[in-house]
């Protein structure tokens, strides 16, 4: 399956495909509401608002695989993100990023951009993957990388 053909389910249960974001640079992030990195929602939202007019989107995928840090249901996640961090970027249904039930999107991202020492496993919430408008996975960022530190890389892949 090509990256752009990967099926997605939004937080509200609607079906999409990654191809719905054709022509945009994307930052795909596995997120969680009760993680030490949760304040990164603010920085992710800043990137989204800053670069969206130029063909960019942050895509957030809530994940409960790391310390049970995303225990809420879809409505609780939506409410938390909108009221606490004023998130406007797209959020998707709770997603597994590792293991036998890992979402096809994360399987492809991990193969295209392995982690430290070639590891494909995602180690924690707020791992980020930058995808250029031609569906090339440009880079993987560790959870400790602040969203603001990615701005230059985003600038470099934005559509002309």
N, C-alpha and C. Protein backbone atom coordinates (compact mmCIF):
# COMPACT_ATOMS: atom_id res chain seq x y z
N UNK A 1 0.85 -1.17 0.00
CA UNK A 1 0.00 0.00 0.00
C UNK A 1 0.90 1.24 0.00
N UNK A 2 0.57 2.17 -0.87
CA UNK A 2 1.31 3.43 -0.92
C UNK A 2 0.92 4.29 0.29
N UNK A 3 1.86 5.10 0.73
CA UNK A 3 1.63 5.93 1.91
C UNK A 3 0.35 6.75 1.78
N UNK A 4 0.15 7.35 0.63
CA UNK A 4 -1.03 8.21 0.46
C UNK A 4 -2.35 7.44 0.47
N UNK A 5 -2.30 6.12 0.30
CA UNK A 5 -3.51 5.30 0.30
C UNK A 5 -3.88 4.77 1.68
N UNK A 6 -3.07 5.08 2.67
CA UNK A 6 -3.33 4.57 4.02
C UNK A 6 -4.68 5.10 4.52
N UNK A 7 -5.56 4.20 4.98
CA UNK A 7 -6.85 4.62 5.51
C UNK A 7 -6.71 5.20 6.92
N UNK A 8 -7.50 6.22 7.19
CA UNK A 8 -7.50 6.89 8.48
C UNK A 8 -8.92 7.00 9.00
N UNK A 9 -9.08 7.08 10.31
CA UNK A 9 -10.36 7.34 10.94
C UNK A 9 -10.16 8.56 11.84
N UNK A 10 -10.96 9.59 11.62
CA UNK A 10 -10.84 10.80 12.43
C UNK A 10 -11.35 10.53 13.84
N UNK A 11 -11.05 11.44 14.73
CA UNK A 11 -11.50 11.32 16.12
C UNK A 11 -13.03 11.25 16.19
N UNK A 12 -13.70 11.87 15.23
CA UNK A 12 -15.17 11.83 15.20
C UNK A 12 -15.72 10.63 14.43
N UNK A 13 -14.82 9.73 13.97
CA UNK A 13 -15.27 8.49 13.35
C UNK A 13 -15.41 8.54 11.84
N UNK A 14 -15.01 9.62 11.21
CA UNK A 14 -15.12 9.73 9.75
C UNK A 14 -13.93 9.06 9.08
N UNK A 15 -14.21 8.43 7.93
CA UNK A 15 -13.14 7.79 7.17
C UNK A 15 -12.43 8.81 6.30
N UNK A 16 -11.12 8.70 6.25
CA UNK A 16 -10.29 9.53 5.38
C UNK A 16 -9.18 8.66 4.84
N UNK A 17 -8.39 9.25 3.97
CA UNK A 17 -7.14 8.65 3.50
C UNK A 17 -6.08 9.73 3.63
N UNK A 18 -4.86 9.31 3.75
CA UNK A 18 -3.77 10.29 3.81
C UNK A 18 -3.79 11.16 2.55
N UNK A 19 -4.27 10.60 1.44
CA UNK A 19 -4.34 11.36 0.18
C UNK A 19 -5.25 12.58 0.28
N UNK A 20 -6.10 12.65 1.30
CA UNK A 20 -6.91 13.85 1.51
C UNK A 20 -6.02 15.07 1.80
N UNK A 21 -4.77 14.80 2.13
CA UNK A 21 -3.81 15.87 2.43
C UNK A 21 -2.79 16.04 1.31
N UNK A 22 -3.17 15.59 0.12
CA UNK A 22 -2.30 15.66 -1.07
C UNK A 22 -1.77 17.08 -1.26
N UNK A 23 -0.49 17.16 -1.59
CA UNK A 23 0.13 18.44 -1.87
C UNK A 23 0.59 19.22 -0.65
N UNK A 24 0.37 18.67 0.52
CA UNK A 24 0.80 19.34 1.76
C UNK A 24 1.98 18.61 2.38
N UNK A 25 2.79 19.36 3.10
CA UNK A 25 3.78 18.77 3.98
C UNK A 25 3.03 18.40 5.27
N UNK A 26 3.41 17.30 5.88
CA UNK A 26 2.70 16.81 7.07
C UNK A 26 3.67 16.50 8.19
N UNK A 27 3.23 16.74 9.40
CA UNK A 27 3.95 16.29 10.59
C UNK A 27 3.01 15.35 11.32
N UNK A 28 3.32 14.06 11.30
CA UNK A 28 2.51 13.03 11.93
C UNK A 28 3.08 12.78 13.32
N UNK A 29 2.21 12.84 14.34
CA UNK A 29 2.67 12.74 15.73
C UNK A 29 1.74 11.82 16.51
N UNK A 30 2.34 10.89 17.28
CA UNK A 30 1.52 10.13 18.22
C UNK A 30 1.46 10.93 19.52
N UNK A 31 0.27 11.27 19.94
CA UNK A 31 0.06 12.20 21.05
C UNK A 31 -0.63 11.52 22.23
N UNK A 32 -0.56 12.18 23.39
CA UNK A 32 -1.23 11.67 24.59
C UNK A 32 -1.52 12.83 25.53
N UNK A 33 -2.60 12.72 26.27
CA UNK A 33 -3.07 13.80 27.14
C UNK A 33 -2.44 13.82 28.52
N UNK A 34 -1.83 12.73 28.94
CA UNK A 34 -1.32 12.65 30.31
C UNK A 34 0.17 12.28 30.31
N UNK A 35 0.91 12.88 29.42
CA UNK A 35 2.32 12.58 29.22
C UNK A 35 3.14 13.80 29.62
N UNK A 36 4.38 13.59 30.03
CA UNK A 36 5.26 14.70 30.34
C UNK A 36 5.49 15.61 29.14
N UNK A 37 5.30 15.08 27.92
CA UNK A 37 5.47 15.87 26.70
C UNK A 37 4.16 16.50 26.22
N UNK A 38 3.07 16.30 26.94
CA UNK A 38 1.77 16.83 26.52
C UNK A 38 1.79 18.33 26.23
N UNK A 39 2.55 19.14 26.97
CA UNK A 39 2.60 20.57 26.62
C UNK A 39 3.08 20.85 25.19
N UNK A 40 3.64 19.83 24.52
CA UNK A 40 4.02 20.02 23.12
C UNK A 40 2.81 20.28 22.22
N UNK A 41 1.62 19.96 22.70
CA UNK A 41 0.42 20.30 21.92
C UNK A 41 0.45 21.78 21.55
N UNK A 42 0.88 22.61 22.47
CA UNK A 42 0.93 24.06 22.21
C UNK A 42 1.86 24.36 21.03
N UNK A 43 3.05 23.80 21.04
CA UNK A 43 4.00 24.03 19.96
C UNK A 43 3.55 23.42 18.64
N UNK A 44 2.91 22.26 18.71
CA UNK A 44 2.38 21.66 17.48
C UNK A 44 1.29 22.54 16.88
N UNK A 45 0.44 23.07 17.73
CA UNK A 45 -0.62 23.97 17.25
C UNK A 45 -0.01 25.23 16.64
N UNK A 46 1.05 25.76 17.24
CA UNK A 46 1.71 26.94 16.69
C UNK A 46 2.27 26.64 15.29
N UNK A 47 2.91 25.49 15.13
CA UNK A 47 3.41 25.11 13.80
C UNK A 47 2.26 25.00 12.81
N UNK A 48 1.19 24.35 13.23
CA UNK A 48 0.04 24.16 12.35
C UNK A 48 -0.52 25.50 11.89
N UNK A 49 -0.74 26.41 12.82
CA UNK A 49 -1.31 27.72 12.46
C UNK A 49 -0.34 28.54 11.60
N UNK A 50 0.93 28.46 11.92
CA UNK A 50 1.93 29.25 11.19
C UNK A 50 2.07 28.80 9.74
N UNK A 51 2.11 27.49 9.53
CA UNK A 51 2.43 26.99 8.20
C UNK A 51 1.23 26.47 7.40
N UNK A 52 0.06 26.30 8.00
CA UNK A 52 -1.11 25.78 7.27
C UNK A 52 -1.43 26.58 6.01
N UNK A 53 -1.37 27.92 6.06
CA UNK A 53 -1.67 28.68 4.84
C UNK A 53 -0.70 28.40 3.69
N UNK A 54 0.44 27.81 4.02
CA UNK A 54 1.45 27.53 2.99
C UNK A 54 1.48 26.05 2.59
N UNK A 55 0.51 25.28 3.03
CA UNK A 55 0.42 23.89 2.61
C UNK A 55 1.01 22.90 3.59
N UNK A 56 0.66 23.04 4.85
CA UNK A 56 1.20 22.18 5.91
C UNK A 56 0.08 21.79 6.85
N UNK A 57 0.21 20.61 7.45
CA UNK A 57 -0.73 20.20 8.49
C UNK A 57 -0.03 19.29 9.49
N UNK A 58 -0.38 19.48 10.76
CA UNK A 58 -0.02 18.53 11.80
C UNK A 58 -1.16 17.53 11.87
N UNK A 59 -0.85 16.25 11.98
CA UNK A 59 -1.86 15.21 12.16
C UNK A 59 -1.55 14.50 13.47
N UNK A 60 -2.50 14.54 14.41
CA UNK A 60 -2.30 13.95 15.72
C UNK A 60 -3.01 12.62 15.87
N UNK A 61 -2.28 11.63 16.38
CA UNK A 61 -2.82 10.29 16.57
C UNK A 61 -2.70 9.90 18.04
N UNK A 62 -3.77 10.04 18.81
CA UNK A 62 -3.73 9.65 20.22
C UNK A 62 -3.33 8.18 20.36
N UNK A 63 -2.46 7.93 21.34
CA UNK A 63 -1.95 6.58 21.55
C UNK A 63 -1.88 6.29 23.04
N UNK A 64 -2.38 5.13 23.43
CA UNK A 64 -2.39 4.74 24.84
C UNK A 64 -1.39 3.62 25.13
N UNK A 65 -0.42 3.42 24.24
CA UNK A 65 0.51 2.30 24.40
C UNK A 65 1.68 2.59 25.34
N UNK A 66 1.83 3.81 25.78
CA UNK A 66 2.98 4.18 26.60
C UNK A 66 2.51 4.64 27.97
N UNK A 67 2.53 3.73 28.92
CA UNK A 67 2.16 4.07 30.28
C UNK A 67 0.70 4.43 30.47
N UNK A 68 -0.17 4.02 29.53
CA UNK A 68 -1.60 4.33 29.66
C UNK A 68 -1.86 5.82 29.72
N UNK A 69 -1.09 6.61 28.96
CA UNK A 69 -1.16 8.07 29.07
C UNK A 69 -2.22 8.71 28.18
N UNK A 70 -3.00 7.89 27.49
CA UNK A 70 -4.15 8.42 26.74
C UNK A 70 -5.35 7.53 27.02
N UNK A 71 -5.87 7.60 28.28
CA UNK A 71 -6.95 6.69 28.67
C UNK A 71 -8.34 7.11 28.20
N UNK A 72 -8.51 8.34 27.78
CA UNK A 72 -9.84 8.86 27.47
C UNK A 72 -10.43 8.31 26.19
N UNK A 73 -11.75 8.51 26.06
CA UNK A 73 -12.41 8.17 24.81
C UNK A 73 -12.30 9.36 23.86
N UNK A 74 -12.85 9.22 22.67
CA UNK A 74 -12.71 10.25 21.64
C UNK A 74 -13.20 11.61 22.12
N UNK A 75 -14.34 11.65 22.78
CA UNK A 75 -14.88 12.94 23.24
C UNK A 75 -14.00 13.56 24.32
N UNK A 76 -13.49 12.75 25.23
CA UNK A 76 -12.60 13.28 26.27
C UNK A 76 -11.31 13.84 25.66
N UNK A 77 -10.78 13.14 24.66
CA UNK A 77 -9.57 13.61 23.98
C UNK A 77 -9.85 14.93 23.27
N UNK A 78 -10.95 14.98 22.52
CA UNK A 78 -11.31 16.20 21.79
C UNK A 78 -11.48 17.36 22.75
N UNK A 79 -12.20 17.14 23.81
CA UNK A 79 -12.46 18.18 24.81
C UNK A 79 -11.16 18.68 25.44
N UNK A 80 -10.29 17.76 25.83
CA UNK A 80 -9.02 18.12 26.44
C UNK A 80 -8.19 18.97 25.48
N UNK A 81 -8.05 18.50 24.25
CA UNK A 81 -7.20 19.19 23.28
C UNK A 81 -7.74 20.57 22.91
N UNK A 82 -9.05 20.68 22.78
CA UNK A 82 -9.62 21.97 22.37
C UNK A 82 -9.65 22.97 23.52
N UNK A 83 -9.96 22.54 24.71
CA UNK A 83 -10.06 23.50 25.81
C UNK A 83 -8.71 23.81 26.45
N UNK A 84 -7.85 22.83 26.56
CA UNK A 84 -6.56 23.05 27.22
C UNK A 84 -5.51 23.66 26.30
N UNK A 85 -5.52 23.24 25.02
CA UNK A 85 -4.47 23.68 24.09
C UNK A 85 -5.00 24.34 22.82
N UNK A 86 -6.31 24.50 22.71
CA UNK A 86 -6.94 25.14 21.55
C UNK A 86 -6.49 24.49 20.23
N UNK A 87 -6.40 23.16 20.24
CA UNK A 87 -5.94 22.42 19.07
C UNK A 87 -6.96 22.54 17.94
N UNK A 88 -6.46 22.93 16.77
CA UNK A 88 -7.29 22.98 15.56
C UNK A 88 -6.81 21.98 14.51
N UNK A 89 -5.62 21.40 14.71
CA UNK A 89 -5.14 20.45 13.71
C UNK A 89 -5.92 19.15 13.82
N UNK A 90 -5.97 18.37 12.73
CA UNK A 90 -6.75 17.13 12.74
C UNK A 90 -6.24 16.12 13.76
N UNK A 91 -7.18 15.53 14.48
CA UNK A 91 -6.91 14.44 15.41
C UNK A 91 -7.64 13.20 14.91
N UNK A 92 -7.02 12.07 15.12
CA UNK A 92 -7.56 10.82 14.61
C UNK A 92 -7.89 9.88 15.75
N UNK A 93 -8.55 8.79 15.41
CA UNK A 93 -8.95 7.80 16.40
C UNK A 93 -7.72 7.26 17.12
N UNK A 94 -7.91 6.81 18.35
CA UNK A 94 -6.82 6.22 19.11
C UNK A 94 -6.14 5.16 18.26
N UNK A 95 -4.82 5.19 18.27
CA UNK A 95 -4.03 4.41 17.33
C UNK A 95 -2.91 3.67 18.05
N UNK A 96 -2.69 2.42 17.65
CA UNK A 96 -1.52 1.70 18.12
C UNK A 96 -0.39 1.96 17.13
N UNK A 97 0.79 2.24 17.67
CA UNK A 97 1.93 2.57 16.81
C UNK A 97 2.99 1.46 16.80
N UNK A 98 2.91 0.54 17.74
CA UNK A 98 3.84 -0.58 17.84
C UNK A 98 3.06 -1.88 17.95
N UNK A 99 3.76 -2.97 17.72
CA UNK A 99 3.16 -4.29 17.93
C UNK A 99 2.37 -4.79 16.74
N UNK A 100 1.72 -5.95 16.93
CA UNK A 100 1.02 -6.60 15.82
C UNK A 100 -0.19 -5.82 15.31
N UNK A 101 -0.72 -4.90 16.12
CA UNK A 101 -1.88 -4.12 15.70
C UNK A 101 -1.51 -2.68 15.35
N UNK A 102 -0.22 -2.45 15.10
CA UNK A 102 0.22 -1.10 14.73
C UNK A 102 -0.50 -0.66 13.47
N UNK A 103 -0.92 0.58 13.47
CA UNK A 103 -1.62 1.16 12.32
C UNK A 103 -0.69 1.13 11.10
N UNK A 104 -1.24 0.85 9.91
CA UNK A 104 -0.42 0.80 8.69
C UNK A 104 0.39 2.08 8.45
N UNK A 105 -0.15 3.22 8.84
CA UNK A 105 0.59 4.47 8.67
C UNK A 105 1.88 4.43 9.47
N UNK A 106 1.79 4.02 10.72
CA UNK A 106 2.98 4.00 11.57
C UNK A 106 3.94 2.88 11.17
N UNK A 107 3.42 1.78 10.65
CA UNK A 107 4.31 0.74 10.14
C UNK A 107 5.17 1.30 9.00
N UNK A 108 4.53 2.02 8.09
CA UNK A 108 5.27 2.58 6.96
C UNK A 108 6.23 3.69 7.39
N UNK A 109 5.79 4.54 8.30
CA UNK A 109 6.65 5.62 8.76
C UNK A 109 7.90 5.07 9.45
N UNK A 110 7.73 4.06 10.28
CA UNK A 110 8.86 3.48 11.01
C UNK A 110 9.85 2.81 10.07
N UNK A 111 9.36 2.19 9.01
CA UNK A 111 10.26 1.57 8.04
C UNK A 111 11.03 2.64 7.26
N UNK A 112 10.34 3.70 6.89
CA UNK A 112 10.96 4.76 6.08
C UNK A 112 11.94 5.61 6.89
N UNK A 113 11.69 5.75 8.18
CA UNK A 113 12.55 6.59 9.03
C UNK A 113 12.77 5.89 10.37
N UNK A 114 13.67 4.91 10.38
CA UNK A 114 13.93 4.20 11.62
C UNK A 114 14.52 5.13 12.68
N UNK A 115 14.41 4.69 13.91
CA UNK A 115 14.94 5.47 15.03
C UNK A 115 16.41 5.20 15.26
N UNK A 116 16.86 5.54 16.43
CA UNK A 116 18.25 5.39 16.83
C UNK A 116 18.71 3.96 16.64
N UNK A 117 19.86 3.79 16.05
CA UNK A 117 20.47 2.48 15.79
C UNK A 117 19.59 1.60 14.90
N UNK A 118 18.76 2.22 14.07
CA UNK A 118 17.92 1.47 13.14
C UNK A 118 16.68 0.87 13.73
N UNK A 119 16.39 1.18 14.97
CA UNK A 119 15.20 0.64 15.63
C UNK A 119 13.93 1.15 14.93
N UNK A 120 12.98 0.25 14.73
CA UNK A 120 11.72 0.69 14.14
C UNK A 120 10.68 1.00 15.20
N UNK A 121 10.87 0.51 16.40
CA UNK A 121 9.88 0.76 17.44
C UNK A 121 9.83 2.24 17.80
N UNK A 122 8.63 2.71 18.08
CA UNK A 122 8.46 4.05 18.62
C UNK A 122 8.62 3.91 20.12
N UNK A 123 9.46 4.75 20.70
CA UNK A 123 9.82 4.60 22.10
C UNK A 123 8.85 5.29 23.06
N UNK A 124 8.17 6.36 22.61
CA UNK A 124 7.29 7.09 23.52
C UNK A 124 6.36 8.00 22.73
N UNK A 125 5.42 8.60 23.45
CA UNK A 125 4.51 9.57 22.85
C UNK A 125 5.28 10.78 22.32
N UNK A 126 4.68 11.44 21.35
CA UNK A 126 5.20 12.65 20.74
C UNK A 126 6.45 12.39 19.87
N UNK A 127 6.53 11.18 19.32
CA UNK A 127 7.47 10.93 18.23
C UNK A 127 6.85 11.56 16.99
N UNK A 128 7.68 12.23 16.20
CA UNK A 128 7.17 13.02 15.08
C UNK A 128 7.82 12.56 13.78
N UNK A 129 7.02 12.56 12.70
CA UNK A 129 7.51 12.20 11.37
C UNK A 129 7.14 13.31 10.41
N UNK A 130 8.12 13.85 9.69
CA UNK A 130 7.88 14.89 8.69
C UNK A 130 7.80 14.23 7.32
N UNK A 131 6.72 14.53 6.61
CA UNK A 131 6.48 13.99 5.27
C UNK A 131 6.39 15.16 4.31
N UNK A 132 7.09 15.07 3.18
CA UNK A 132 7.03 16.17 2.21
C UNK A 132 5.81 16.00 1.30
N UNK A 133 5.48 17.00 0.49
CA UNK A 133 4.28 16.92 -0.35
C UNK A 133 4.29 15.80 -1.39
N UNK A 134 5.46 15.20 -1.65
CA UNK A 134 5.50 14.09 -2.61
C UNK A 134 5.48 12.73 -1.89
N UNK A 135 5.08 12.72 -0.63
CA UNK A 135 4.91 11.52 0.19
C UNK A 135 6.24 10.90 0.65
N UNK A 136 7.32 11.64 0.58
CA UNK A 136 8.61 11.14 1.07
C UNK A 136 8.71 11.44 2.56
N UNK A 137 9.03 10.41 3.34
CA UNK A 137 9.24 10.61 4.77
C UNK A 137 10.63 11.22 4.92
N UNK A 138 10.67 12.47 5.35
CA UNK A 138 11.91 13.24 5.39
C UNK A 138 12.72 12.93 6.63
N UNK A 139 12.05 12.87 7.78
CA UNK A 139 12.79 12.72 9.02
C UNK A 139 11.87 12.29 10.16
N UNK A 140 12.49 11.61 11.11
CA UNK A 140 11.83 11.22 12.35
C UNK A 140 12.45 12.02 13.49
N UNK A 141 11.62 12.50 14.41
CA UNK A 141 12.09 13.30 15.54
C UNK A 141 11.70 12.60 16.84
N UNK A 142 12.62 12.57 17.77
CA UNK A 142 12.39 11.98 19.08
C UNK A 142 11.37 12.81 19.86
N UNK A 143 10.72 12.21 20.84
CA UNK A 143 9.75 12.95 21.66
C UNK A 143 10.34 14.19 22.33
N UNK A 144 11.64 14.16 22.61
CA UNK A 144 12.28 15.29 23.29
C UNK A 144 12.50 16.49 22.38
N UNK A 145 12.34 16.33 21.07
CA UNK A 145 12.53 17.44 20.14
C UNK A 145 11.29 18.33 20.20
N UNK A 146 11.51 19.58 20.60
CA UNK A 146 10.40 20.54 20.69
C UNK A 146 9.89 20.88 19.30
N UNK A 147 8.59 21.07 19.15
CA UNK A 147 8.04 21.42 17.84
C UNK A 147 8.73 22.63 17.19
N UNK A 148 9.05 23.64 17.95
CA UNK A 148 9.69 24.83 17.38
C UNK A 148 11.01 24.49 16.69
N UNK A 149 11.69 23.46 17.16
CA UNK A 149 12.97 23.06 16.58
C UNK A 149 12.81 22.44 15.19
N UNK A 150 11.59 22.13 14.80
CA UNK A 150 11.32 21.49 13.52
C UNK A 150 10.96 22.52 12.45
N UNK A 151 10.75 23.75 12.83
CA UNK A 151 10.25 24.78 11.91
C UNK A 151 11.10 24.91 10.65
N UNK A 152 12.42 24.91 10.79
CA UNK A 152 13.28 25.05 9.61
C UNK A 152 13.10 23.90 8.64
N UNK A 153 13.00 22.69 9.18
CA UNK A 153 12.81 21.53 8.32
C UNK A 153 11.47 21.61 7.59
N UNK A 154 10.45 22.11 8.28
CA UNK A 154 9.14 22.28 7.64
C UNK A 154 9.25 23.29 6.52
N UNK A 155 9.90 24.43 6.79
CA UNK A 155 10.10 25.47 5.76
C UNK A 155 10.74 24.87 4.51
N UNK A 156 11.70 23.98 4.72
CA UNK A 156 12.45 23.41 3.60
C UNK A 156 11.62 22.51 2.70
N UNK A 157 10.53 21.94 3.23
CA UNK A 157 9.72 21.00 2.41
C UNK A 157 8.38 21.58 2.00
N UNK A 158 8.08 22.81 2.40
CA UNK A 158 6.79 23.39 2.03
C UNK A 158 6.67 23.53 0.52
N UNK A 159 5.47 23.37 0.01
CA UNK A 159 5.25 23.56 -1.43
C UNK A 159 5.63 24.98 -1.83
N UNK A 160 6.18 25.08 -3.04
CA UNK A 160 6.61 26.40 -3.57
C UNK A 160 5.43 27.28 -3.89
